[in-house]
């Protein structure tokens, strides 16, 4: 049953990051104060896709009514208690069509948007707040264009949602990357080796450039620039020779590519948004560094330590920024709803909170501006001209 003000739905999609539960908490607590009921959609868009519109059906795996007690307890933790998925309701394969809809949707790829809209109506949801990256939020744009009231919150450790300087999860990712690199540098120094650290970042290199800028690494290679392996090796040998502890470090974005080659994938199976799973560039860089090092090190090969940080930088509790920003983003979303405004993305721009039209998400791509921020010859960020730049520099 609807409360006096209405019902707000909230969901989290895509990869988990620290800060999702604080965002859910912020939305829920504020919404209750303002007289709204809040329904948490479980497993991202999957919960709305698989919902059965029957009062006798068990939909406990698809949604739950949120209480202050529940969100206050979860709000201090990492991940998302609502769970997540990479479901894309506009492109559901025949095999993934829910059983109760298989007689209706029989194509190889099916657009279940009509069912999503009916399910939102069935739940009595007036406003929907999706929290996600550009993939998850792109379907939020689709629902808005279909006439549904959507207010989006950006999250992704890659920090690549267009329109905003900051996405939930990014600060914790950078903090963890710096910390773990500093942990492993002791082993690199003890054995006088190269240290190769692979981090997430399919199309954007923010998670590699920022830790390097902060001093965690000597070099970084990113998706925005195809790098020459001989150049990287020569630079790494040079860094190692200058270092009294005789080691050097490179951070490698998972989407980085060698000059003249394409991205490396761990397998070619694609998710609902058409992305194959990346993996292997860190291994390849590590092997090539060892192979080529003798060319620049008086005939002597240099051993490597190779570590893929992977989920270690996206799990666990949020840092201070990823505790504060989600709280603000959640309240910004409620401010818009209370004003009857929708079709917006809440953002942080030039150090100020704001909002902008939601279709910015699908109208452009957000990547590192290499001409401004990345030295393609030296394979590291530029270390000057910070006046007037935002907190995280690159956007």
Protein backbone atom coordinates (compact mmCIF):
# COMPACT_ATOMS: atom_id res chain seq x y z
CA UNK A 1 0.00 0.00 0.00
CA UNK A 2 1.27 3.46 -0.84
CA UNK A 3 2.06 5.90 1.91
CA UNK A 4 0.81 9.48 1.76
CA UNK A 5 3.73 10.76 -0.32
CA UNK A 6 4.37 7.75 -2.54
CA UNK A 7 6.78 4.87 -3.12
CA UNK A 8 10.44 5.04 -4.14
CA UNK A 9 12.26 2.07 -5.65
CA UNK A 10 16.04 1.69 -5.41
CA UNK A 11 18.44 -0.80 -6.97
CA UNK A 12 22.16 -1.42 -7.46
CA UNK A 13 23.57 -2.89 -10.67
CA UNK A 14 26.91 -3.93 -12.12
CA UNK A 15 30.04 -4.52 -10.06
CA UNK A 16 29.95 -3.95 -6.32
CA UNK A 17 31.89 -1.07 -4.76
CA UNK A 18 32.26 0.31 -1.24
CA UNK A 19 29.67 3.02 -0.70
CA UNK A 20 26.57 1.34 -2.12
CA UNK A 21 25.06 0.47 1.25
CA UNK A 22 25.59 4.02 2.59
CA UNK A 23 23.77 5.33 -0.49
CA UNK A 24 20.85 2.96 0.05
CA UNK A 25 20.74 4.02 3.69
CA UNK A 26 20.77 7.73 2.82
CA UNK A 27 17.88 7.36 0.38
CA UNK A 28 15.81 5.21 2.73
CA UNK A 29 16.20 7.21 5.94
CA UNK A 30 15.51 10.53 4.22
CA UNK A 31 12.57 9.09 2.26
CA UNK A 32 10.96 7.79 5.46
CA UNK A 33 11.36 11.18 7.11
CA UNK A 34 9.61 12.75 4.12
CA UNK A 35 6.75 10.22 4.22
CA UNK A 36 7.72 7.82 1.43
CA UNK A 37 7.86 4.05 1.44
CA UNK A 38 11.05 2.55 -0.04
CA UNK A 39 11.22 -0.73 -1.93
CA UNK A 40 14.61 -2.27 -2.56
CA UNK A 41 14.84 -4.09 -5.89
CA UNK A 42 17.06 -7.11 -5.43
CA UNK A 43 19.81 -8.13 -7.88
CA UNK A 44 19.73 -4.96 -9.96
CA UNK A 45 17.53 -5.01 -13.04
CA UNK A 46 17.13 -8.77 -12.60
CA UNK A 47 14.69 -8.25 -9.73
CA UNK A 48 12.36 -6.22 -11.93
CA UNK A 49 12.84 -8.56 -14.88
CA UNK A 50 11.96 -11.74 -12.99
CA UNK A 51 9.13 -10.38 -10.84
CA UNK A 52 5.85 -12.31 -11.07
CA UNK A 53 2.75 -10.14 -10.90
CA UNK A 54 0.76 -12.47 -8.67
CA UNK A 55 0.03 -11.84 -4.99
CA UNK A 56 0.53 -15.56 -4.31
CA UNK A 57 3.94 -15.71 -5.99
CA UNK A 58 7.14 -15.76 -3.94
CA UNK A 59 8.94 -12.56 -4.99
CA UNK A 60 11.24 -12.43 -1.96
CA UNK A 61 14.24 -12.81 -4.25
CA UNK A 62 13.09 -9.86 -6.37
CA UNK A 63 12.26 -7.08 -3.91
CA UNK A 64 11.92 -6.16 -0.25
CA UNK A 65 10.43 -3.26 1.69
CA UNK A 66 13.27 -1.36 3.36
CA UNK A 67 13.23 -0.28 7.01
CA UNK A 68 15.46 2.11 8.92
CA UNK A 69 16.67 -0.75 11.10
CA UNK A 70 17.78 -2.75 8.05
CA UNK A 71 19.57 0.06 6.26
CA UNK A 72 21.20 1.47 9.39
CA UNK A 73 22.80 -1.90 10.06
CA UNK A 74 23.94 -2.41 6.45
CA UNK A 75 24.92 1.21 5.89
CA UNK A 76 28.27 0.82 7.66
CA UNK A 77 29.39 -2.04 5.43
CA UNK A 78 30.81 -2.54 1.95
CA UNK A 79 29.14 -4.14 -1.03
CA UNK A 80 25.38 -4.06 -1.55
CA UNK A 81 22.93 -5.98 0.61
CA UNK A 82 20.38 -5.70 -2.21
CA UNK A 83 22.82 -7.69 -4.38
CA UNK A 84 23.62 -6.93 -7.99
CA UNK A 85 23.64 -8.31 -11.53
CA UNK A 86 24.55 -7.30 -15.06
CA UNK A 87 21.02 -7.88 -16.36
CA UNK A 88 19.94 -5.71 -19.30
CA UNK A 89 16.15 -5.90 -19.66
CA UNK A 90 16.20 -4.52 -23.19
CA UNK A 91 18.46 -7.35 -24.40
CA UNK A 92 17.42 -10.62 -22.71
CA UNK A 93 18.53 -13.78 -24.47
CA UNK A 94 16.00 -16.51 -25.15
CA UNK A 95 17.56 -18.77 -22.51
CA UNK A 96 17.38 -16.03 -19.86
CA UNK A 97 13.76 -15.05 -20.35
CA UNK A 98 11.96 -15.80 -17.05
CA UNK A 99 9.95 -19.02 -17.15
CA UNK A 100 6.59 -17.29 -16.78
CA UNK A 101 7.33 -15.12 -19.84
CA UNK A 102 8.77 -17.73 -22.22
CA UNK A 103 5.48 -18.13 -24.10
CA UNK A 104 5.49 -14.41 -24.91
CA UNK A 105 9.17 -13.66 -25.62
CA UNK A 106 10.72 -16.20 -27.96
CA UNK A 107 13.32 -14.28 -29.97
CA UNK A 108 17.07 -14.74 -29.63
CA UNK A 109 17.18 -11.25 -28.04
CA UNK A 110 14.10 -9.84 -26.30
CA UNK A 111 13.15 -6.39 -25.06
CA UNK A 112 11.33 -6.90 -21.76
CA UNK A 113 10.82 -3.19 -21.11
CA UNK A 114 7.00 -3.52 -21.34
CA UNK A 115 7.20 -6.05 -18.47
CA UNK A 116 9.50 -3.79 -16.45
CA UNK A 117 7.01 -0.93 -16.69
CA UNK A 118 4.14 -3.22 -15.68
CA UNK A 119 6.18 -4.53 -12.74
CA UNK A 120 6.99 -1.03 -11.52
CA UNK A 121 3.28 -0.24 -11.66
CA UNK A 122 2.46 -3.50 -9.86
CA UNK A 123 4.78 -2.53 -7.01
CA UNK A 124 3.29 0.95 -6.92
CA UNK A 125 6.66 2.60 -7.46
CA UNK A 126 6.43 6.30 -8.34
CA UNK A 127 10.15 7.10 -8.60
CA UNK A 128 13.08 4.80 -9.32
CA UNK A 129 16.65 5.45 -8.13
CA UNK A 130 19.14 3.16 -9.91
CA UNK A 131 22.71 3.23 -8.58
CA UNK A 132 25.25 2.05 -11.11
CA UNK A 133 27.82 2.66 -13.79
CA UNK A 134 27.22 3.71 -17.36
CA UNK A 135 25.86 0.26 -18.32
CA UNK A 136 23.33 0.00 -15.49
CA UNK A 137 22.31 3.64 -15.77
CA UNK A 138 21.94 3.45 -19.55
CA UNK A 139 18.83 1.35 -18.97
CA UNK A 140 17.66 3.96 -16.48
CA UNK A 141 17.87 6.41 -19.39
CA UNK A 142 15.71 4.03 -21.42
CA UNK A 143 13.03 3.94 -18.71
CA UNK A 144 13.08 7.72 -18.46
CA UNK A 145 12.54 7.96 -22.22
CA UNK A 146 9.60 5.56 -21.79
CA UNK A 147 8.05 8.08 -19.40
CA UNK A 148 9.05 6.67 -16.01
CA UNK A 149 10.38 8.96 -13.28
CA UNK A 150 14.07 8.15 -12.76
CA UNK A 151 16.78 9.85 -10.69
CA UNK A 152 20.19 8.20 -11.11
CA UNK A 153 23.19 7.91 -8.77
CA UNK A 154 26.62 7.23 -10.34
CA UNK A 155 28.88 4.51 -8.97
CA UNK A 156 31.86 2.75 -10.45
CA UNK A 157 35.38 2.23 -9.20
CA UNK A 158 36.58 3.19 -12.72
CA UNK A 159 35.08 6.70 -12.23
CA UNK A 160 33.93 6.69 -15.86
CA UNK A 161 30.26 7.73 -15.71
CA UNK A 162 29.98 10.85 -17.92
CA UNK A 163 28.85 14.15 -16.44
CA UNK A 164 30.28 13.77 -12.95
CA UNK A 165 33.76 14.24 -11.50
CA UNK A 166 33.07 11.51 -8.96
CA UNK A 167 31.48 8.07 -8.89
CA UNK A 168 30.89 6.11 -5.68
CA UNK A 169 33.69 3.57 -5.13
CA UNK A 170 36.53 5.43 -6.81
CA UNK A 171 38.23 6.87 -3.73
CA UNK A 172 38.32 3.53 -1.93
CA UNK A 173 39.73 1.89 -5.05
CA UNK A 174 42.54 4.45 -5.31
CA UNK A 175 43.23 4.28 -1.56
CA UNK A 176 43.46 0.47 -1.65
CA UNK A 177 45.62 0.47 -4.77
CA UNK A 178 48.13 2.83 -3.14
CA UNK A 179 48.13 0.81 0.09
CA UNK A 180 48.58 -2.57 -1.60
CA UNK A 181 51.27 -1.27 -3.92
CA UNK A 182 53.14 0.06 -0.90
CA UNK A 183 52.78 -3.34 0.75
CA UNK A 184 54.21 -5.18 -2.25
CA UNK A 185 57.03 -2.72 -2.89
CA UNK A 186 58.86 -4.22 0.10
CA UNK A 187 59.08 -7.57 -1.71
CA UNK A 188 60.06 -5.88 -4.97
CA UNK A 189 62.81 -4.02 -3.15
CA UNK A 190 64.03 -7.06 -1.25
CA UNK A 191 64.49 -8.99 -4.49
CA UNK A 192 65.42 -6.02 -6.76
CA UNK A 193 62.57 -6.77 -9.14
CA UNK A 194 59.97 -5.10 -11.30
CA UNK A 195 56.52 -4.92 -9.72
CA UNK A 196 53.58 -5.14 -12.13
CA UNK A 197 50.14 -4.30 -10.70
CA UNK A 198 47.03 -4.87 -12.83
CA UNK A 199 43.92 -2.88 -11.87
CA UNK A 200 40.36 -2.57 -13.19
CA UNK A 201 39.70 -0.07 -15.98
CA UNK A 202 38.23 -1.30 -19.27
CA UNK A 203 38.11 1.94 -21.27
CA UNK A 204 39.32 4.55 -18.77
CA UNK A 205 42.64 4.70 -16.93
CA UNK A 206 41.68 6.78 -13.89
CA UNK A 207 42.37 3.91 -11.45
CA UNK A 208 45.93 3.61 -12.78
CA UNK A 209 46.82 7.28 -13.29
CA UNK A 210 45.69 8.59 -9.88
CA UNK A 211 47.70 6.09 -7.77
CA UNK A 212 50.73 6.77 -9.98
CA UNK A 213 50.22 10.51 -9.54
CA UNK A 214 50.13 9.89 -5.77
CA UNK A 215 53.55 8.23 -5.93
CA UNK A 216 52.54 4.58 -5.71
CA UNK A 217 54.19 3.68 -9.04
CA UNK A 218 56.84 4.96 -11.42
CA UNK A 219 54.84 4.28 -14.60
CA UNK A 220 51.32 3.39 -15.68
CA UNK A 221 49.80 2.15 -18.92
CA UNK A 222 46.16 2.91 -19.67
CA UNK A 223 43.43 2.08 -22.24
CA UNK A 224 43.54 5.55 -23.81
CA UNK A 225 47.04 5.04 -25.26
CA UNK A 226 48.56 1.98 -26.97
CA UNK A 227 52.02 1.70 -25.45
CA UNK A 228 55.31 0.47 -26.82
CA UNK A 229 56.74 -2.36 -24.75
CA UNK A 230 60.37 -1.49 -25.47
CA UNK A 231 59.74 2.05 -24.30
CA UNK A 232 58.12 0.82 -21.08
CA UNK A 233 60.96 -1.63 -20.43
CA UNK A 234 63.67 0.99 -20.96
CA UNK A 235 61.87 3.38 -18.60
CA UNK A 236 61.39 0.67 -15.96
CA UNK A 237 65.08 -0.29 -16.10
CA UNK A 238 65.99 3.39 -15.80
CA UNK A 239 63.70 3.78 -12.76
CA UNK A 240 65.17 0.69 -11.13
CA UNK A 241 68.72 1.88 -11.63
CA UNK A 242 67.95 5.27 -10.06
CA UNK A 243 66.21 3.68 -7.08
CA UNK A 244 68.59 2.91 -4.15
CA UNK A 245 66.45 -0.16 -3.40
CA UNK A 246 66.74 -1.35 -7.02
CA UNK A 247 63.10 -1.89 -7.95
CA UNK A 248 60.50 -0.16 -10.12
CA UNK A 249 56.72 -0.32 -10.36
CA UNK A 250 54.18 -0.09 -13.16
CA UNK A 251 50.39 -0.04 -12.75
CA UNK A 252 48.55 -1.60 -15.70
CA UNK A 253 44.89 -0.94 -16.52
CA UNK A 254 43.08 -4.13 -17.53
CA UNK A 255 42.06 -2.44 -20.79
CA UNK A 256 45.57 -1.29 -21.72
CA UNK A 257 46.93 -2.61 -25.01
CA UNK A 258 50.29 -3.07 -26.65
CA UNK A 259 51.08 -0.97 -29.70
CA UNK A 260 49.60 -2.75 -32.72
CA UNK A 261 47.44 -5.17 -30.71
CA UNK A 262 43.97 -5.43 -29.17
CA UNK A 263 42.66 -5.90 -25.63
CA UNK A 264 43.39 -9.21 -23.92
CA UNK A 265 40.45 -11.25 -22.61
CA UNK A 266 40.32 -14.08 -20.08
CA UNK A 267 37.42 -15.55 -22.08
CA UNK A 268 35.21 -14.38 -24.93
CA UNK A 269 31.85 -14.99 -23.25
CA UNK A 270 30.05 -11.62 -23.23
CA UNK A 271 27.78 -10.16 -20.57
CA UNK A 272 24.40 -8.55 -21.23
CA UNK A 273 26.08 -5.29 -22.23
CA UNK A 274 28.35 -6.94 -24.80
CA UNK A 275 31.54 -6.94 -22.70
CA UNK A 276 33.86 -9.93 -22.68
CA UNK A 277 35.83 -10.46 -19.46
CA UNK A 278 39.20 -8.76 -19.62
CA UNK A 279 42.29 -10.38 -18.18
CA UNK A 280 45.88 -11.12 -18.95
CA UNK A 281 47.52 -7.80 -19.80
CA UNK A 282 49.34 -7.74 -16.46
CA UNK A 283 50.70 -11.23 -17.12
CA UNK A 284 51.75 -10.24 -20.64
CA UNK A 285 53.48 -7.05 -19.47
CA UNK A 286 55.28 -8.96 -16.74
CA UNK A 287 56.55 -11.61 -19.17
CA UNK A 288 57.65 -9.01 -21.72
CA UNK A 289 59.46 -6.92 -19.11
CA UNK A 290 61.50 -9.93 -18.05
CA UNK A 291 62.19 -10.91 -21.67
CA UNK A 292 63.26 -7.45 -22.83
CA UNK A 293 65.01 -6.25 -19.68
CA UNK A 294 68.41 -7.68 -20.63
CA UNK A 295 68.40 -5.39 -23.68
CA UNK A 296 68.60 -2.38 -21.37
CA UNK A 297 70.35 -3.95 -18.36
CA UNK A 298 73.77 -4.98 -19.67
CA UNK A 299 72.54 -8.38 -20.78
CA UNK A 300 71.02 -9.33 -17.44
CA UNK A 301 67.31 -10.22 -17.16
CA UNK A 302 65.29 -8.71 -14.34
CA UNK A 303 62.71 -10.82 -12.54
CA UNK A 304 59.17 -9.56 -11.93
CA UNK A 305 56.52 -9.69 -9.23
CA UNK A 306 53.14 -9.75 -10.95
CA UNK A 307 49.92 -9.05 -9.00
CA UNK A 308 46.35 -8.54 -10.20
CA UNK A 309 44.61 -6.48 -7.51
CA UNK A 310 41.16 -7.29 -8.91
CA UNK A 311 38.39 -7.52 -6.34
CA UNK A 312 40.68 -6.62 -3.44
CA UNK A 313 40.21 -2.93 -4.27
CA UNK A 314 36.43 -3.12 -4.62
CA UNK A 315 35.57 -5.22 -1.58
CA UNK A 316 35.36 -4.26 2.08
CA UNK A 317 34.32 -1.10 3.87
CA UNK A 318 34.21 2.34 2.20
CA UNK A 319 36.78 5.01 3.03
CA UNK A 320 35.77 8.47 4.28
CA UNK A 321 34.94 9.90 0.86
CA UNK A 322 32.91 6.83 -0.09
CA UNK A 323 30.98 7.21 3.14
CA UNK A 324 30.26 10.93 2.72
CA UNK A 325 29.53 11.19 -1.02
CA UNK A 326 26.90 8.39 -1.05
CA UNK A 327 25.10 10.08 1.84
CA UNK A 328 25.00 13.35 -0.10
CA UNK A 329 24.04 11.70 -3.39
CA UNK A 330 21.14 9.90 -1.71
CA UNK A 331 19.85 13.14 -0.21
CA UNK A 332 20.32 15.00 -3.50
CA UNK A 333 18.12 12.38 -5.16
CA UNK A 334 15.43 12.93 -2.51
CA UNK A 335 15.68 16.70 -2.93
CA UNK A 336 14.86 16.29 -6.62
CA UNK A 337 11.97 13.93 -5.94
CA UNK A 338 10.48 16.30 -3.38
CA UNK A 339 10.54 19.02 -6.02
CA UNK A 340 8.87 16.72 -8.53
CA UNK A 341 12.01 16.69 -10.69
CA UNK A 342 13.18 13.55 -12.46
CA UNK A 343 15.27 12.47 -15.43
CA UNK A 344 18.40 13.68 -13.65
CA UNK A 345 21.80 12.33 -12.64
CA UNK A 346 23.15 13.56 -9.31
CA UNK A 347 26.76 14.66 -9.70
CA UNK A 348 29.84 16.21 -8.12
CA UNK A 349 31.37 18.80 -10.44
CA UNK A 350 34.30 21.12 -9.70
CA UNK A 351 33.93 20.47 -5.98
CA UNK A 352 30.20 21.25 -5.90
CA UNK A 353 27.22 18.89 -5.74
CA UNK A 354 24.68 19.32 -8.51
CA UNK A 355 22.59 17.39 -11.03
CA UNK A 356 22.28 17.24 -14.79
CA UNK A 357 20.07 15.60 -17.44
CA UNK A 358 20.23 11.82 -17.22
CA UNK A 359 20.84 11.35 -20.94
CA UNK A 360 24.42 12.60 -20.49
CA UNK A 361 25.12 8.97 -19.52
CA UNK A 362 24.48 7.67 -23.03
CA UNK A 363 25.53 10.72 -25.04
CA UNK A 364 29.28 10.58 -24.46
CA UNK A 365 32.20 8.62 -22.98
CA UNK A 366 34.37 9.66 -20.05
CA UNK A 367 38.06 8.80 -20.39
CA UNK A 368 41.42 10.28 -19.41
CA UNK A 369 42.33 13.32 -21.52
CA UNK A 370 45.83 12.16 -22.37
CA UNK A 371 46.89 15.45 -23.97
CA UNK A 372 46.25 17.24 -20.69
CA UNK A 373 47.04 14.64 -18.05
CA UNK A 374 49.21 11.82 -19.44
CA UNK A 375 52.77 11.90 -20.78
CA UNK A 376 52.70 9.35 -23.63
CA UNK A 377 56.47 9.35 -23.96
CA UNK A 378 57.28 8.87 -20.28
CA UNK A 379 54.18 6.72 -19.54
CA UNK A 380 53.13 8.53 -16.41
CA UNK A 381 50.86 11.47 -15.50
CA UNK A 382 52.01 15.06 -15.85
CA UNK A 383 53.09 16.39 -12.46
CA UNK A 384 52.25 20.05 -12.96
CA UNK A 385 49.46 22.58 -13.70
CA UNK A 386 47.08 21.66 -10.87
CA UNK A 387 45.78 25.16 -10.23
CA UNK A 388 41.99 25.22 -10.53
CA UNK A 389 41.70 21.44 -10.96
CA UNK A 390 39.06 19.44 -9.01
CA UNK A 391 39.96 17.15 -6.09
CA UNK A 392 40.72 14.11 -8.25
CA UNK A 393 42.50 16.19 -10.90
CA UNK A 394 41.76 14.28 -14.10
CA UNK A 395 38.11 15.11 -14.80
